[in-house]
Amino acid sequence: MKLPEFSDIKLGSQDRYETMVLLPENWTVTKQSHKADSKVKVGTTIVLTCTKAS
């Protein structure tokens, strides 16, 4: 059985001077819009708040 994939994932910055997430591999997720282990329907927008890795 193939698990559903989420395609509507938005990345946002919590940093004051780095306001756009351009290379996600250089960022660390600090918050998410849905609680861990919560169930969301496929098609739901998921927002990940990030901070720039040093």
C-alpha atoms as a PDB file:
ATOM      1  CA  MET A   1       0.000   0.000   0.000  1.00  0.00           C
ATOM      2  CA  LYS A   2       1.387   3.370  -1.004  1.00  0.00           C
ATOM      3  CA  LEU A   3       0.999   6.176   1.530  1.00  0.00           C
ATOM      4  CA  PRO A   4      -0.475   9.463   0.302  1.00  0.00           C
ATOM      5  CA  GLU A   5       1.947  12.270  -0.404  1.00  0.00           C
ATOM      6  CA  PHE A   6       1.428  15.858   0.633  1.00  0.00           C
ATOM      7  CA  SER A   7       2.115  18.379  -2.093  1.00  0.00           C
ATOM      8  CA  ASP A   8       0.877  21.623  -0.519  1.00  0.00           C
ATOM      9  CA  ILE A   9       3.719  22.338   1.914  1.00  0.00           C
ATOM     10  CA  LYS A  10       4.612  25.989   2.528  1.00  0.00           C
ATOM     11  CA  LEU A  11       7.899  27.086   4.099  1.00  0.00           C
ATOM     12  CA  GLY A  12       7.991  30.308   6.076  1.00  0.00           C
ATOM     13  CA  SER A  13      10.798  32.130   7.859  1.00  0.00           C
ATOM     14  CA  GLN A  14      10.735  33.277  11.460  1.00  0.00           C
ATOM     15  CA  ASP A  15      13.997  35.184  10.972  1.00  0.00           C
ATOM     16  CA  ARG A  16      14.020  38.965  10.898  1.00  0.00           C
ATOM     17  CA  TYR A  17      16.547  39.428   8.092  1.00  0.00           C
ATOM     18  CA  GLU A  18      16.215  36.137   6.197  1.00  0.00           C
ATOM     19  CA  THR A  19      12.596  36.371   5.123  1.00  0.00           C
ATOM     20  CA  MET A  20      12.396  33.790   2.315  1.00  0.00           C
ATOM     21  CA  VAL A  21      13.290  30.115   2.416  1.00  0.00           C
ATOM     22  CA  LEU A  22      15.217  29.634  -0.839  1.00  0.00           C
ATOM     23  CA  LEU A  23      17.349  26.551  -0.139  1.00  0.00           C
ATOM     24  CA  PRO A  24      15.399  24.430   2.362  1.00  0.00           C
ATOM     25  CA  GLU A  25      18.443  22.277   3.146  1.00  0.00           C
ATOM     26  CA  ASN A  26      20.030  25.348   4.826  1.00  0.00           C
ATOM     27  CA  TRP A  27      17.079  25.808   7.204  1.00  0.00           C
ATOM     28  CA  THR A  28      15.772  24.129  10.367  1.00  0.00           C
ATOM     29  CA  VAL A  29      12.060  23.643  11.038  1.00  0.00           C
ATOM     30  CA  THR A  30      10.993  25.190  14.366  1.00  0.00           C
ATOM     31  CA  LYS A  31       7.179  24.942  14.154  1.00  0.00           C
ATOM     32  CA  GLN A  32       4.535  23.197  12.127  1.00  0.00           C
ATOM     33  CA  SER A  33       0.914  24.090  11.481  1.00  0.00           C
ATOM     34  CA  HIS A  34      -0.423  20.710  12.615  1.00  0.00           C
ATOM     35  CA  LYS A  35       0.500  18.857  15.802  1.00  0.00           C
ATOM     36  CA  ALA A  36       2.801  15.859  15.510  1.00  0.00           C
ATOM     37  CA  ASP A  37       0.922  12.596  14.980  1.00  0.00           C
ATOM     38  CA  SER A  38      -2.276  14.451  14.048  1.00  0.00           C
ATOM     39  CA  LYS A  39      -4.182  13.266  11.004  1.00  0.00           C
ATOM     40  CA  VAL A  40      -4.790  15.697   8.176  1.00  0.00           C
ATOM     41  CA  LYS A  41      -6.549  15.103   4.899  1.00  0.00           C
ATOM     42  CA  VAL A  42      -4.560  14.869   1.689  1.00  0.00           C
ATOM     43  CA  GLY A  43      -4.729  18.291   0.046  1.00  0.00           C
ATOM     44  CA  THR A  44      -4.468  20.160   3.349  1.00  0.00           C
ATOM     45  CA  THR A  45      -1.887  22.951   3.366  1.00  0.00           C
ATOM     46  CA  ILE A  46       0.968  22.267   5.773  1.00  0.00           C
ATOM     47  CA  VAL A  47       3.017  25.257   6.929  1.00  0.00           C
ATOM     48  CA  LEU A  48       6.532  24.738   8.290  1.00  0.00           C
ATOM     49  CA  THR A  49       8.134  27.692  10.075  1.00  0.00           C
ATOM     50  CA  CYS A  50      11.921  27.694   9.700  1.00  0.00           C
ATOM     51  CA  THR A  51      15.043  29.426  10.932  1.00  0.00           C
ATOM     52  CA  LYS A  52      18.269  29.798   8.950  1.00  0.00           C
ATOM     53  CA  ALA A  53      20.959  27.298   9.954  1.00  0.00           C
ATOM     54  CA  SER A  54      24.252  28.873  10.980  1.00  0.00           C
END
